[in-house]
Amino acid sequence: MASDSDPRAISALTHNIHEAGLDESVRILQADVADAARDVPVGAAIVTNVPYGHGTEGGRELHDSYRRFGDVLRAREDLGPVVVLSGHRDFIADTGLKWQEVAGFRNRGLPVRLLRLVR
């Protein structure tokens, strides 16, 4: 299962899944994280690359998105493990959850962290 609220990301995702021959194996949803979470099966692992905020300059919408992601994870304690690639310094604080940094590196020149949710 894969989701994104941005139609351009969905288009790219659909193309990549098709190129990988996974059309029959991956269900794609164009939805906000809170809406998509309703369809995620119990016990599913979550692996995501959240928006870094460089295109939106990290405004209120980005911080609200991180907060909603944290709300979803609190409501769905049955999910896990949860692993996130984040390039925004406020991600951890905005989610209100405890994260363990697994690795730090650069993605296209931007500093990012690979984080694992600590439950």
PDB file of N, CA and C in Angstrom:
ATOM      1  N   MET A   1       0.850  -1.163   0.000  1.00  0.00           N
ATOM      2  CA  MET A   1       0.000   0.000   0.000  1.00  0.00           C
ATOM      3  C   MET A   1       0.899   1.230   0.000  1.00  0.00           C
ATOM      4  N   ALA A   2       0.542   2.219  -0.800  1.00  0.00           N
ATOM      5  CA  ALA A   2       1.299   3.462  -0.872  1.00  0.00           C
ATOM      6  C   ALA A   2       0.311   4.614  -0.991  1.00  0.00           C
ATOM      7  N   SER A   3       0.660   5.746  -0.375  1.00  0.00           N
ATOM      8  CA  SER A   3      -0.245   6.893  -0.462  1.00  0.00           C
ATOM      9  C   SER A   3       0.535   8.189  -0.462  1.00  0.00           C
ATOM     10  N   ASP A   4      -0.118   9.214  -0.996  1.00  0.00           N
ATOM     11  CA  ASP A   4       0.396  10.579  -0.971  1.00  0.00           C
ATOM     12  C   ASP A   4      -0.776  11.485  -1.278  1.00  0.00           C
ATOM     13  N   SER A   5      -0.751  12.691  -0.766  1.00  0.00           N
ATOM     14  CA  SER A   5      -1.840  13.632  -1.050  1.00  0.00           C
ATOM     15  C   SER A   5      -1.579  14.438  -2.326  1.00  0.00           C
ATOM     16  N   ASP A   6      -0.353  14.424  -2.817  1.00  0.00           N
ATOM     17  CA  ASP A   6       0.041  15.204  -3.993  1.00  0.00           C
ATOM     18  C   ASP A   6      -0.181  14.391  -5.266  1.00  0.00           C
ATOM     19  N   PRO A   7      -1.031  14.879  -6.182  1.00  0.00           N
ATOM     20  CA  PRO A   7      -1.292  14.128  -7.415  1.00  0.00           C
ATOM     21  C   PRO A   7      -0.038  13.892  -8.263  1.00  0.00           C
ATOM     22  N   ARG A   8       0.935  14.808  -8.202  1.00  0.00           N
ATOM     23  CA  ARG A   8       2.181  14.594  -8.960  1.00  0.00           C
ATOM     24  C   ARG A   8       2.966  13.425  -8.382  1.00  0.00           C
ATOM     25  N   ALA A   9       2.979  13.313  -7.065  1.00  0.00           N
ATOM     26  CA  ALA A   9       3.673  12.193  -6.424  1.00  0.00           C
ATOM     27  C   ALA A   9       2.967  10.876  -6.760  1.00  0.00           C
ATOM     28  N   ILE A  10       1.646  10.902  -6.798  1.00  0.00           N
ATOM     29  CA  ILE A  10       0.881   9.690  -7.149  1.00  0.00           C
ATOM     30  C   ILE A  10       1.195   9.268  -8.570  1.00  0.00           C
ATOM     31  N   SER A  11       1.296  10.230  -9.477  1.00  0.00           N
ATOM     32  CA  SER A  11       1.635   9.923 -10.865  1.00  0.00           C
ATOM     33  C   SER A  11       3.013   9.265 -10.970  1.00  0.00           C
ATOM     34  N   ALA A  12       3.989   9.829 -10.282  1.00  0.00           N
ATOM     35  CA  ALA A  12       5.339   9.260 -10.295  1.00  0.00           C
ATOM     36  C   ALA A  12       5.352   7.888  -9.645  1.00  0.00           C
ATOM     37  N   LEU A  13       4.641   7.747  -8.546  1.00  0.00           N
ATOM     38  CA  LEU A  13       4.556   6.477  -7.840  1.00  0.00           C
ATOM     39  C   LEU A  13       3.925   5.402  -8.729  1.00  0.00           C
ATOM     40  N   THR A  14       2.835   5.751  -9.396  1.00  0.00           N
ATOM     41  CA  THR A  14       2.162   4.809 -10.292  1.00  0.00           C
ATOM     42  C   THR A  14       3.100   4.359 -11.394  1.00  0.00           C
ATOM     43  N   HIS A  15       3.828   5.293 -11.974  1.00  0.00           N
ATOM     44  CA  HIS A  15       4.791   4.965 -13.021  1.00  0.00           C
ATOM     45  C   HIS A  15       5.866   4.008 -12.498  1.00  0.00           C
ATOM     46  N   ASN A  16       6.440   4.337 -11.343  1.00  0.00           N
ATOM     47  CA  ASN A  16       7.518   3.514 -10.783  1.00  0.00           C
ATOM     48  C   ASN A  16       7.040   2.117 -10.422  1.00  0.00           C
ATOM     49  N   ILE A  17       5.844   2.014  -9.881  1.00  0.00           N
ATOM     50  CA  ILE A  17       5.293   0.700  -9.536  1.00  0.00           C
ATOM     51  C   ILE A  17       5.062  -0.117 -10.795  1.00  0.00           C
ATOM     52  N   HIS A  18       4.558   0.530 -11.842  1.00  0.00           N
ATOM     53  CA  HIS A  18       4.351  -0.165 -13.117  1.00  0.00           C
ATOM     54  C   HIS A  18       5.689  -0.652 -13.692  1.00  0.00           C
ATOM     55  N   GLU A  19       6.686   0.233 -13.688  1.00  0.00           N
ATOM     56  CA  GLU A  19       8.008  -0.134 -14.216  1.00  0.00           C
ATOM     57  C   GLU A  19       8.630  -1.298 -13.443  1.00  0.00           C
ATOM     58  N   ALA A  20       8.314  -1.390 -12.163  1.00  0.00           N
ATOM     59  CA  ALA A  20       8.847  -2.474 -11.329  1.00  0.00           C
ATOM     60  C   ALA A  20       8.026  -3.757 -11.463  1.00  0.00           C
ATOM     61  N   GLY A  21       6.928  -3.687 -12.228  1.00  0.00           N
ATOM     62  CA  GLY A  21       6.084  -4.868 -12.420  1.00  0.00           C
ATOM     63  C   GLY A  21       5.259  -5.220 -11.192  1.00  0.00           C
ATOM     64  N   LEU A  22       4.932  -4.228 -10.378  1.00  0.00           N
ATOM     65  CA  LEU A  22       4.224  -4.469  -9.124  1.00  0.00           C
ATOM     66  C   LEU A  22       2.769  -3.990  -9.147  1.00  0.00           C
ATOM     67  N   ASP A  23       2.219  -3.771 -10.326  1.00  0.00           N
ATOM     68  CA  ASP A  23       0.855  -3.242 -10.439  1.00  0.00           C
ATOM     69  C   ASP A  23      -0.160  -4.037  -9.615  1.00  0.00           C
ATOM     70  N   GLU A  24      -0.031  -5.351  -9.623  1.00  0.00           N
ATOM     71  CA  GLU A  24      -0.986  -6.214  -8.932  1.00  0.00           C
ATOM     72  C   GLU A  24      -0.686  -6.343  -7.439  1.00  0.00           C
ATOM     73  N   SER A  25       0.472  -5.849  -7.011  1.00  0.00           N
ATOM     74  CA  SER A  25       0.896  -6.052  -5.623  1.00  0.00           C
ATOM     75  C   SER A  25       0.759  -4.819  -4.743  1.00  0.00           C
ATOM     76  N   VAL A  26       0.631  -3.632  -5.345  1.00  0.00           N
ATOM     77  CA  VAL A  26       0.618  -2.397  -4.565  1.00  0.00           C
ATOM     78  C   VAL A  26      -0.681  -1.646  -4.806  1.00  0.00           C
ATOM     79  N   ARG A  27      -1.352  -1.311  -3.728  1.00  0.00           N
ATOM     80  CA  ARG A  27      -2.559  -0.489  -3.792  1.00  0.00           C
ATOM     81  C   ARG A  27      -2.143   0.953  -3.542  1.00  0.00           C
ATOM     82  N   ILE A  28      -2.544   1.854  -4.433  1.00  0.00           N
ATOM     83  CA  ILE A  28      -2.161   3.266  -4.347  1.00  0.00           C
ATOM     84  C   ILE A  28      -3.376   4.101  -3.964  1.00  0.00           C
ATOM     85  N   LEU A  29      -3.184   4.969  -2.970  1.00  0.00           N
ATOM     86  CA  LEU A  29      -4.242   5.884  -2.543  1.00  0.00           C
ATOM     87  C   LEU A  29      -3.752   7.317  -2.642  1.00  0.00           C
ATOM     88  N   GLN A  30      -4.582   8.186  -3.196  1.00  0.00           N
ATOM     89  CA  GLN A  30      -4.276   9.613  -3.131  1.00  0.00           C
ATOM     90  C   GLN A  30      -5.062  10.140  -1.939  1.00  0.00           C
ATOM     91  N   ALA A  31      -4.353  10.308  -0.818  1.00  0.00           N
ATOM     92  CA  ALA A  31      -5.026  10.688   0.417  1.00  0.00           C
ATOM     93  C   ALA A  31      -4.031  11.259   1.411  1.00  0.00           C
ATOM     94  N   ASP A  32      -4.539  12.086   2.306  1.00  0.00           N
ATOM     95  CA  ASP A  32      -3.787  12.586   3.451  1.00  0.00           C
ATOM     96  C   ASP A  32      -3.488  11.400   4.366  1.00  0.00           C
ATOM     97  N   VAL A  33      -2.447  11.521   5.162  1.00  0.00           N
ATOM     98  CA  VAL A  33      -2.025  10.427   6.038  1.00  0.00           C
ATOM     99  C   VAL A  33      -3.170   9.946   6.941  1.00  0.00           C
ATOM    100  N   ALA A  34      -3.959  10.850   7.467  1.00  0.00           N
ATOM    101  CA  ALA A  34      -5.053  10.455   8.355  1.00  0.00           C
ATOM    102  C   ALA A  34      -6.107   9.649   7.611  1.00  0.00           C
ATOM    103  N   ASP A  35      -6.416  10.032   6.383  1.00  0.00           N
ATOM    104  CA  ASP A  35      -7.398   9.293   5.599  1.00  0.00           C
ATOM    105  C   ASP A  35      -6.846   7.942   5.140  1.00  0.00           C
ATOM    106  N   ALA A  36      -5.599   7.916   4.727  1.00  0.00           N
ATOM    107  CA  ALA A  36      -4.983   6.675   4.267  1.00  0.00           C
ATOM    108  C   ALA A  36      -4.840   5.667   5.396  1.00  0.00           C
ATOM    109  N   ALA A  37      -4.609   6.142   6.614  1.00  0.00           N
ATOM    110  CA  ALA A  37      -4.359   5.251   7.752  1.00  0.00           C
ATOM    111  C   ALA A  37      -5.542   4.331   8.045  1.00  0.00           C
ATOM    112  N   ARG A  38      -6.726   4.773   7.704  1.00  0.00           N
ATOM    113  CA  ARG A  38      -7.913   3.936   7.955  1.00  0.00           C
ATOM    114  C   ARG A  38      -7.851   2.616   7.199  1.00  0.00           C
ATOM    115  N   ASP A  39      -7.151   2.610   6.065  1.00  0.00           N
ATOM    116  CA  ASP A  39      -7.086   1.418   5.226  1.00  0.00           C
ATOM    117  C   ASP A  39      -5.839   0.569   5.459  1.00  0.00           C
ATOM    118  N   VAL A  40      -4.960   1.016   6.337  1.00  0.00           N
ATOM    119  CA  VAL A  40      -3.725   0.266   6.595  1.00  0.00           C
ATOM    120  C   VAL A  40      -4.052  -0.916   7.494  1.00  0.00           C
ATOM    121  N   PRO A  41      -3.668  -2.126   7.086  1.00  0.00           N
ATOM    122  CA  PRO A  41      -3.975  -3.312   7.893  1.00  0.00           C
ATOM    123  C   PRO A  41      -3.286  -3.294   9.255  1.00  0.00           C
ATOM    124  N   VAL A  42      -3.896  -3.937  10.221  1.00  0.00           N
ATOM    125  CA  VAL A  42      -3.331  -4.088  11.555  1.00  0.00           C
ATOM    126  C   VAL A  42      -1.953  -4.735  11.442  1.00  0.00           C
ATOM    127  N   GLY A  43      -0.990  -4.177  12.185  1.00  0.00           N
ATOM    128  CA  GLY A  43       0.347  -4.744  12.229  1.00  0.00           C
ATOM    129  C   GLY A  43       1.257  -4.374  11.075  1.00  0.00           C
ATOM    130  N   ALA A  44       0.783  -3.520  10.178  1.00  0.00           N
ATOM    131  CA  ALA A  44       1.593  -3.144   9.015  1.00  0.00           C
ATOM    132  C   ALA A  44       2.801  -2.311   9.422  1.00  0.00           C
ATOM    133  N   ALA A  45       3.901  -2.535   8.738  1.00  0.00           N
ATOM    134  CA  ALA A  45       5.085  -1.689   8.898  1.00  0.00           C
ATOM    135  C   ALA A  45       4.857  -0.408   8.111  1.00  0.00           C
ATOM    136  N   ILE A  46       5.347   0.692   8.628  1.00  0.00           N
ATOM    137  CA  ILE A  46       5.241   1.982   7.952  1.00  0.00           C
ATOM    138  C   ILE A  46       6.656   2.435   7.606  1.00  0.00           C
ATOM    139  N   VAL A  47       6.886   2.678   6.330  1.00  0.00           N
ATOM    140  CA  VAL A  47       8.159   3.209   5.852  1.00  0.00           C
ATOM    141  C   VAL A  47       7.809   4.417   4.998  1.00  0.00           C
ATOM    142  N   THR A  48       8.303   5.591   5.392  1.00  0.00           N
ATOM    143  CA  THR A  48       7.906   6.795   4.679  1.00  0.00           C
ATOM    144  C   THR A  48       9.033   7.812   4.591  1.00  0.00           C
ATOM    145  N   ASN A  49       8.951   8.589   3.560  1.00  0.00           N
ATOM    146  CA  ASN A  49       9.855   9.704   3.321  1.00  0.00           C
ATOM    147  C   ASN A  49       8.969  10.945   3.409  1.00  0.00           C
ATOM    148  N   VAL A  50       8.907  11.552   4.586  1.00  0.00           N
ATOM    149  CA  VAL A  50       8.013  12.695   4.788  1.00  0.00           C
ATOM    150  C   VAL A  50       8.565  13.927   4.067  1.00  0.00           C
ATOM    151  N   PRO A  51       7.705  14.881   3.718  1.00  0.00           N
ATOM    152  CA  PRO A  51       8.191  16.110   3.083  1.00  0.00           C
ATOM    153  C   PRO A  51       9.237  16.801   3.948  1.00  0.00           C
ATOM    154  N   TYR A  52      10.280  17.298   3.316  1.00  0.00           N
ATOM    155  CA  TYR A  52      11.369  17.960   4.045  1.00  0.00           C
ATOM    156  C   TYR A  52      11.038  19.408   4.350  1.00  0.00           C
ATOM    157  N   GLY A  53      10.150  19.996   3.577  1.00  0.00           N
ATOM    158  CA  GLY A  53       9.786  21.370   3.814  1.00  0.00           C
ATOM    159  C   GLY A  53      10.595  22.382   3.040  1.00  0.00           C
ATOM    160  N   HIS A  54      11.522  21.940   2.220  1.00  0.00           N
ATOM    161  CA  HIS A  54      12.349  22.901   1.484  1.00  0.00           C
ATOM    162  C   HIS A  54      11.562  23.586   0.378  1.00  0.00           C
ATOM    163  N   GLY A  55      10.614  22.895  -0.224  1.00  0.00           N
ATOM    164  CA  GLY A  55       9.783  23.513  -1.254  1.00  0.00           C
ATOM    165  C   GLY A  55       8.733  24.427  -0.656  1.00  0.00           C
ATOM    166  N   THR A  56       8.233  24.073   0.526  1.00  0.00           N
ATOM    167  CA  THR A  56       7.194  24.868   1.178  1.00  0.00           C
ATOM    168  C   THR A  56       7.778  25.773   2.245  1.00  0.00           C
ATOM    169  N   GLU A  57       9.107  25.736   2.388  1.00  0.00           N
ATOM    170  CA  GLU A  57       9.820  26.537   3.368  1.00  0.00           C
ATOM    171  C   GLU A  57       9.415  26.219   4.803  1.00  0.00           C
ATOM    172  N   GLY A  58       8.854  25.021   5.018  1.00  0.00           N
ATOM    173  CA  GLY A  58       8.556  24.584   6.380  1.00  0.00           C
ATOM    174  C   GLY A  58       7.451  25.358   7.059  1.00  0.00           C
ATOM    175  N   GLY A  59       6.452  25.822   6.325  1.00  0.00           N
ATOM    176  CA  GLY A  59       5.367  26.613   6.883  1.00  0.00           C
ATOM    177  C   GLY A  59       4.401  25.813   7.732  1.00  0.00           C
ATOM    178  N   ARG A  60       3.333  26.470   8.127  1.00  0.00           N
ATOM    179  CA  ARG A  60       2.320  25.882   9.007  1.00  0.00           C
ATOM    180  C   ARG A  60       1.773  24.574   8.451  1.00  0.00           C
ATOM    181  N   GLU A  61       1.552  24.498   7.156  1.00  0.00           N
ATOM    182  CA  GLU A  61       1.002  23.279   6.544  1.00  0.00           C
ATOM    183  C   GLU A  61       1.915  22.075   6.798  1.00  0.00           C
ATOM    184  N   LEU A  62       3.211  22.280   6.682  1.00  0.00           N
ATOM    185  CA  LEU A  62       4.166  21.207   6.917  1.00  0.00           C
ATOM    186  C   LEU A  62       4.136  20.766   8.377  1.00  0.00           C
ATOM    187  N   HIS A  63       4.152  21.718   9.291  1.00  0.00           N
ATOM    188  CA  HIS A  63       4.123  21.390  10.721  1.00  0.00           C
ATOM    189  C   HIS A  63       2.812  20.690  11.088  1.00  0.00           C
ATOM    190  N   ASP A  64       1.703  21.127  10.495  1.00  0.00           N
ATOM    191  CA  ASP A  64       0.413  20.467  10.728  1.00  0.00           C
ATOM    192  C   ASP A  64       0.433  19.034  10.201  1.00  0.00           C
ATOM    193  N   SER A  65       1.096  18.836   9.082  1.00  0.00           N
ATOM    194  CA  SER A  65       1.214  17.493   8.513  1.00  0.00           C
ATOM    195  C   SER A  65       1.972  16.572   9.465  1.00  0.00           C
ATOM    196  N   TYR A  66       3.068  17.042  10.018  1.00  0.00           N
ATOM    197  CA  TYR A  66       3.841  16.251  10.979  1.00  0.00           C
ATOM    198  C   TYR A  66       2.994  15.951  12.226  1.00  0.00           C
ATOM    199  N   ARG A  67       2.247  16.945  12.699  1.00  0.00           N
ATOM    200  CA  ARG A  67       1.390  16.753  13.865  1.00  0.00           C
ATOM    201  C   ARG A  67       0.327  15.691  13.580  1.00  0.00           C
ATOM    202  N   ARG A  68      -0.318  15.755  12.394  1.00  0.00           N
ATOM    203  CA  ARG A  68      -1.335  14.762  12.022  1.00  0.00           C
ATOM    204  C   ARG A  68      -0.727  13.364  11.930  1.00  0.00           C
ATOM    205  N   PHE A  69       0.511  13.278  11.418  1.00  0.00           N
ATOM    206  CA  PHE A  69       1.191  11.995  11.338  1.00  0.00           C
ATOM    207  C   PHE A  69       1.382  11.426  12.749  1.00  0.00           C
ATOM    208  N   GLY A  70       1.808  12.263  13.680  1.00  0.00           N
ATOM    209  CA  GLY A  70       1.950  11.838  15.069  1.00  0.00           C
ATOM    210  C   GLY A  70       0.616  11.396  15.661  1.00  0.00           C
ATOM    211  N   ASP A  71      -0.462  12.138  15.371  1.00  0.00           N
ATOM    212  CA  ASP A  71      -1.795  11.771  15.853  1.00  0.00           C
ATOM    213  C   ASP A  71      -2.204  10.388  15.346  1.00  0.00           C
ATOM    214  N   VAL A  72      -1.935  10.134  14.059  1.00  0.00           N
ATOM    215  CA  VAL A  72      -2.270   8.836  13.468  1.00  0.00           C
ATOM    216  C   VAL A  72      -1.507   7.723  14.162  1.00  0.00           C
ATOM    217  N   LEU A  73      -0.228   7.924  14.393  1.00  0.00           N
ATOM    218  CA  LEU A  73       0.579   6.878  15.024  1.00  0.00           C
ATOM    219  C   LEU A  73       0.166   6.631  16.470  1.00  0.00           C
ATOM    220  N   ARG A  74      -0.279   7.677  17.179  1.00  0.00           N
ATOM    221  CA  ARG A  74      -0.779   7.483  18.542  1.00  0.00           C
ATOM    222  C   ARG A  74      -2.092   6.698  18.513  1.00  0.00           C
ATOM    223  N   ALA A  75      -2.938   6.986  17.539  1.00  0.00           N
ATOM    224  CA  ALA A  75      -4.232   6.306  17.432  1.00  0.00           C
ATOM    225  C   ALA A  75      -4.094   4.868  16.932  1.00  0.00           C
ATOM    226  N   ARG A  76      -3.024   4.607  16.178  1.00  0.00           N
ATOM    227  CA  ARG A  76      -2.826   3.271  15.588  1.00  0.00           C
ATOM    228  C   ARG A  76      -1.579   2.621  16.179  1.00  0.00           C
ATOM    229  N   GLU A  77      -1.628   2.326  17.465  1.00  0.00           N
ATOM    230  CA  GLU A  77      -0.490   1.693  18.121  1.00  0.00           C
ATOM    231  C   GLU A  77      -0.231   0.284  17.614  1.00  0.00           C
ATOM    232  N   ASP A  78      -1.164  -0.255  16.818  1.00  0.00           N
ATOM    233  CA  ASP A  78      -0.996  -1.590  16.244  1.00  0.00           C
ATOM    234  C   ASP A  78      -0.038  -1.601  15.059  1.00  0.00           C
ATOM    235  N   LEU A  79       0.377  -0.442  14.599  1.00  0.00           N
ATOM    236  CA  LEU A  79       1.271  -0.360  13.447  1.00  0.00           C
ATOM    237  C   LEU A  79       2.720  -0.408  13.891  1.00  0.00           C
ATOM    238  N   GLY A  80       3.545  -1.031  13.080  1.00  0.00           N
ATOM    239  CA  GLY A  80       4.965  -1.007  13.405  1.00  0.00           C
ATOM    240  C   GLY A  80       5.702  -2.187  12.822  1.00  0.00           C
ATOM    241  N   PRO A  81       6.970  -2.015  12.651  1.00  0.00           N
ATOM    242  CA  PRO A  81       7.748  -0.833  13.020  1.00  0.00           C
ATOM    243  C   PRO A  81       7.426   0.355  12.122  1.00  0.00           C
ATOM    244  N   VAL A  82       7.785   1.544  12.595  1.00  0.00           N
ATOM    245  CA  VAL A  82       7.590   2.772  11.834  1.00  0.00           C
ATOM    246  C   VAL A  82       8.965   3.398  11.619  1.00  0.00           C
ATOM    247  N   VAL A  83       9.319   3.591  10.353  1.00  0.00           N
ATOM    248  CA  VAL A  83      10.613   4.149   9.977  1.00  0.00           C
ATOM    249  C   VAL A  83      10.366   5.343   9.059  1.00  0.00           C
ATOM    250  N   VAL A  84      11.049   6.445   9.345  1.00  0.00           N
ATOM    251  CA  VAL A  84      10.834   7.699   8.623  1.00  0.00           C
ATOM    252  C   VAL A  84      12.171   8.282   8.166  1.00  0.00           C
ATOM    253  N   LEU A  85      12.190   8.766   6.927  1.00  0.00           N
ATOM    254  CA  LEU A  85      13.311   9.562   6.446  1.00  0.00           C
ATOM    255  C   LEU A  85      12.850  11.016   6.533  1.00  0.00           C
ATOM    256  N   SER A  86      13.536  11.802   7.360  1.00  0.00           N
ATOM    257  CA  SER A  86      13.125  13.181   7.583  1.00  0.00           C
ATOM    258  C   SER A  86      14.292  14.135   7.370  1.00  0.00           C
ATOM    259  N   GLY A  87      13.997  15.245   6.713  1.00  0.00           N
ATOM    260  CA  GLY A  87      15.000  16.277   6.494  1.00  0.00           C
ATOM    261  C   GLY A  87      14.655  17.579   7.178  1.00  0.00           C
ATOM    262  N   HIS A  88      13.723  17.545   8.121  1.00  0.00           N
ATOM    263  CA  HIS A  88      13.309  18.773   8.801  1.00  0.00           C
ATOM    264  C   HIS A  88      13.610  18.678  10.286  1.00  0.00           C
ATOM    265  N   ARG A  89      14.243  19.703  10.814  1.00  0.00           N
ATOM    266  CA  ARG A  89      14.682  19.679  12.213  1.00  0.00           C
ATOM    267  C   ARG A  89      13.517  19.610  13.200  1.00  0.00           C
ATOM    268  N   ASP A  90      12.318  20.054  12.812  1.00  0.00           N
ATOM    269  CA  ASP A  90      11.183  20.082  13.730  1.00  0.00           C
ATOM    270  C   ASP A  90      10.300  18.838  13.670  1.00  0.00           C
ATOM    271  N   PHE A  91      10.650  17.882  12.816  1.00  0.00           N
ATOM    272  CA  PHE A  91       9.791  16.712  12.651  1.00  0.00           C
ATOM    273  C   PHE A  91       9.501  16.022  13.986  1.00  0.00           C
ATOM    274  N   ILE A  92      10.526  15.721  14.752  1.00  0.00           N
ATOM    275  CA  ILE A  92      10.347  14.984  16.007  1.00  0.00           C
ATOM    276  C   ILE A  92       9.449  15.763  16.960  1.00  0.00           C
ATOM    277  N   ALA A  93       9.746  17.029  17.169  1.00  0.00           N
ATOM    278  CA  ALA A  93       8.940  17.847  18.083  1.00  0.00           C
ATOM    279  C   ALA A  93       7.499  17.960  17.603  1.00  0.00           C
ATOM    280  N   ASP A  94       7.310  18.140  16.296  1.00  0.00           N
ATOM    281  CA  ASP A  94       5.960  18.307  15.761  1.00  0.00           C
ATOM    282  C   ASP A  94       5.111  17.047  15.913  1.00  0.00           C
ATOM    283  N   THR A  95       5.721  15.870  15.804  1.00  0.00           N
ATOM    284  CA  THR A  95       4.942  14.635  15.959  1.00  0.00           C
ATOM    285  C   THR A  95       4.587  14.383  17.414  1.00  0.00           C
ATOM    286  N   GLY A  96       5.419  14.887  18.338  1.00  0.00           N
ATOM    287  CA  GLY A  96       5.171  14.658  19.751  1.00  0.00           C
ATOM    288  C   GLY A  96       5.454  13.224  20.176  1.00  0.00           C
ATOM    289  N   LEU A  97       6.239  12.514  19.394  1.00  0.00           N
ATOM    290  CA  LEU A  97       6.564  11.118  19.680  1.00  0.00           C
ATOM    291  C   LEU A  97       8.059  10.968  19.909  1.00  0.00           C
ATOM    292  N   LYS A  98       8.441   9.814  20.442  1.00  0.00           N
ATOM    293  CA  LYS A  98       9.849   9.533  20.686  1.00  0.00           C
ATOM    294  C   LYS A  98      10.413   8.751  19.501  1.00  0.00           C
ATOM    295  N   TRP A  99      11.511   9.272  18.942  1.00  0.00           N
ATOM    296  CA  TRP A  99      12.150   8.662  17.786  1.00  0.00           C
ATOM    297  C   TRP A  99      13.612   8.362  18.102  1.00  0.00           C
ATOM    298  N   GLN A 100      14.115   7.290  17.539  1.00  0.00           N
ATOM    299  CA  GLN A 100      15.534   6.940  17.642  1.00  0.00           C
ATOM    300  C   GLN A 100      16.175   7.201  16.293  1.00  0.00           C
ATOM    301  N   GLU A 101      17.271   7.951  16.289  1.00  0.00           N
ATOM    302  CA  GLU A 101      17.992   8.174  15.034  1.00  0.00           C
ATOM    303  C   GLU A 101      18.797   6.918  14.701  1.00  0.00           C
ATOM    304  N   VAL A 102      18.515   6.347  13.546  1.00  0.00           N
ATOM    305  CA  VAL A 102      19.197   5.138  13.088  1.00  0.00           C
ATOM    306  C   VAL A 102      20.431   5.509  12.268  1.00  0.00           C
ATOM    307  N   ALA A 103      20.286   6.571  11.459  1.00  0.00           N
ATOM    308  CA  ALA A 103      21.391   7.015  10.614  1.00  0.00           C
ATOM    309  C   ALA A 103      21.158   8.460  10.205  1.00  0.00           C
ATOM    310  N   GLY A 104      22.246   9.142   9.930  1.00  0.00           N
ATOM    311  CA  GLY A 104      22.186  10.496   9.398  1.00  0.00           C
ATOM    312  C   GLY A 104      23.072  10.557   8.161  1.00  0.00           C
ATOM    313  N   PHE A 105      22.592  11.205   7.114  1.00  0.00           N
ATOM    314  CA  PHE A 105      23.349  11.303   5.873  1.00  0.00           C
ATOM    315  C   PHE A 105      22.773  12.434   5.029  1.00  0.00           C
ATOM    316  N   ARG A 106      23.225  12.560   3.798  1.00  0.00           N
ATOM    317  CA  ARG A 106      22.738  13.600   2.894  1.00  0.00           C
ATOM    318  C   ARG A 106      21.948  12.956   1.763  1.00  0.00           C
ATOM    319  N   ASN A 107      20.839  13.573   1.411  1.00  0.00           N
ATOM    320  CA  ASN A 107      20.004  13.138   0.296  1.00  0.00           C
ATOM    321  C   ASN A 107      19.935  14.304  -0.679  1.00  0.00           C
ATOM    322  N   ARG A 108      20.598  14.153  -1.818  1.00  0.00           N
ATOM    323  CA  ARG A 108      20.686  15.236  -2.808  1.00  0.00           C
ATOM    324  C   ARG A 108      21.235  16.508  -2.173  1.00  0.00           C
ATOM    325  N   GLY A 109      22.212  16.336  -1.299  1.00  0.00           N
ATOM    326  CA  GLY A 109      22.872  17.461  -0.664  1.00  0.00           C
ATOM    327  C   GLY A 109      22.216  17.957   0.609  1.00  0.00           C
ATOM    328  N   LEU A 110      21.020  17.475   0.918  1.00  0.00           N
ATOM    329  CA  LEU A 110      20.315  17.931   2.111  1.00  0.00           C
ATOM    330  C   LEU A 110      20.559  16.966   3.268  1.00  0.00           C
ATOM    331  N   PRO A 111      20.817  17.493   4.466  1.00  0.00           N
ATOM    332  CA  PRO A 111      20.992  16.600   5.618  1.00  0.00           C
ATOM    333  C   PRO A 111      19.653  15.957   5.999  1.00  0.00           C
ATOM    334  N   VAL A 112      19.660  14.640   6.160  1.00  0.00           N
ATOM    335  CA  VAL A 112      18.460  13.898   6.539  1.00  0.00           C
ATOM    336  C   VAL A 112      18.804  12.896   7.638  1.00  0.00           C
ATOM    337  N   ARG A 113      17.746  12.447   8.318  1.00  0.00           N
ATOM    338  CA  ARG A 113      17.908  11.437   9.358  1.00  0.00           C
ATOM    339  C   ARG A 113      16.939  10.296   9.093  1.00  0.00           C
ATOM    340  N   LEU A 114      17.402   9.083   9.279  1.00  0.00           N
ATOM    341  CA  LEU A 114      16.555   7.910   9.261  1.00  0.00           C
ATOM    342  C   LEU A 114      16.167   7.654  10.712  1.00  0.00           C
ATOM    343  N   LEU A 115      14.865   7.707  10.987  1.00  0.00           N
ATOM    344  CA  LEU A 115      14.344   7.621  12.346  1.00  0.00           C
ATOM    345  C   LEU A 115      13.445   6.399  12.512  1.00  0.00           C
ATOM    346  N   ARG A 116      13.489   5.812  13.693  1.00  0.00           N
ATOM    347  CA  ARG A 116      12.607   4.689  14.019  1.00  0.00           C
ATOM    348  C   ARG A 116      11.795   5.080  15.243  1.00  0.00           C
ATOM    349  N   LEU A 117      10.472   4.889  15.152  1.00  0.00           N
ATOM    350  CA  LEU A 117       9.588   5.215  16.262  1.00  0.00           C
ATOM    351  C   LEU A 117       9.871   4.279  17.433  1.00  0.00           C
ATOM    352  N   VAL A 118       9.977   4.871  18.619  1.00  0.00           N
ATOM    353  CA  VAL A 118      10.189   4.111  19.849  1.00  0.00           C
ATOM    354  C   VAL A 118       8.840   4.028  20.555  1.00  0.00           C
ATOM    355  N   ARG A 119       8.359   2.832  20.760  1.00  0.00           N
ATOM    356  CA  ARG A 119       7.062   2.649  21.443  1.00  0.00           C
ATOM    357  C   ARG A 119       7.294   2.107  22.822  1.00  0.00           C
TER     358      ARG A 119
END
